[in-house]
């Protein structure tokens, strides 16, 4: 069974764009969600490569790739 990944609330994401005066076209939200999942996967890979077993705020820079 696959892992269900939940991205930030759609309403919150839409508000970010609306507050910047940007309209989201059809399918844009799906692409944003896909990008969020890819970002999380890259972060998890960096943690694994950095031998991090538990991601904490103090180690977040490693997940972000900022050594």
Protein backbone atom coordinates (compact mmCIF):
# COMPACT_ATOMS: atom_id res chain seq x y z
CA UNK A 1 0.00 0.00 0.00
CA UNK A 2 1.39 3.42 -0.97
CA UNK A 3 1.90 6.32 1.34
CA UNK A 4 -0.76 9.00 1.05
CA UNK A 5 0.94 12.37 0.98
CA UNK A 6 -1.06 15.39 2.04
CA UNK A 7 0.03 18.79 0.76
CA UNK A 8 -0.82 22.12 2.36
CA UNK A 9 -4.46 23.12 2.38
CA UNK A 10 -5.67 24.07 -1.11
CA UNK A 11 -7.41 27.13 0.28
CA UNK A 12 -4.16 28.37 1.79
CA UNK A 13 -2.27 27.84 -1.46
CA UNK A 14 -4.97 29.61 -3.49
CA UNK A 15 -4.92 32.54 -1.05
CA UNK A 16 -1.17 32.99 -1.49
CA UNK A 17 -1.65 33.47 -5.22
CA UNK A 18 -4.79 35.57 -4.85
CA UNK A 19 -3.02 37.92 -2.41
CA UNK A 20 -0.34 38.41 -5.07
CA UNK A 21 -2.94 39.17 -7.72
CA UNK A 22 -2.31 35.92 -9.62
CA UNK A 23 -5.15 33.87 -11.07
CA UNK A 24 -4.72 30.10 -11.11
CA UNK A 25 -5.67 28.50 -14.40
CA UNK A 26 -7.29 25.10 -14.80
CA UNK A 27 -4.94 22.34 -13.66
CA UNK A 28 -2.53 24.70 -11.93
CA UNK A 29 -3.43 23.44 -8.46
CA UNK A 30 -2.68 19.85 -9.54
CA UNK A 31 0.75 20.94 -10.76
CA UNK A 32 1.42 22.83 -7.51
CA UNK A 33 0.46 19.73 -5.50
CA UNK A 34 2.73 17.56 -7.64
CA UNK A 35 5.61 19.98 -7.10
CA UNK A 36 5.02 19.88 -3.32
CA UNK A 37 5.24 16.09 -3.35
CA UNK A 38 8.45 16.20 -5.41
CA UNK A 39 9.94 18.72 -2.96
CA UNK A 40 9.09 16.44 -0.02
CA UNK A 41 10.70 13.48 -1.81
CA UNK A 42 13.90 15.47 -2.47
CA UNK A 43 13.99 16.52 1.18
CA UNK A 44 13.56 12.91 2.32
CA UNK A 45 16.38 11.81 0.01
CA UNK A 46 18.71 14.46 1.45
CA UNK A 47 17.85 13.34 4.97
CA UNK A 48 18.58 9.71 4.08
CA UNK A 49 21.88 10.69 2.42
CA UNK A 50 22.78 12.78 5.49
CA UNK A 51 21.99 9.80 7.75
CA UNK A 52 19.21 11.70 9.51
CA UNK A 53 16.74 9.39 11.22
CA UNK A 54 14.51 12.14 12.64
CA UNK A 55 14.08 15.53 11.00
CA UNK A 56 14.03 18.29 13.60
CA UNK A 57 13.92 22.08 13.17
CA UNK A 58 17.63 22.17 13.98
CA UNK A 59 18.39 19.80 11.09
CA UNK A 60 15.93 21.28 8.59
CA UNK A 61 18.72 23.02 6.69
CA UNK A 62 20.01 19.60 5.62
CA UNK A 63 16.62 18.62 4.18
CA UNK A 64 16.59 21.90 2.27
CA UNK A 65 20.06 21.20 0.85
CA UNK A 66 21.77 24.08 2.64
CA UNK A 67 24.90 22.55 4.08
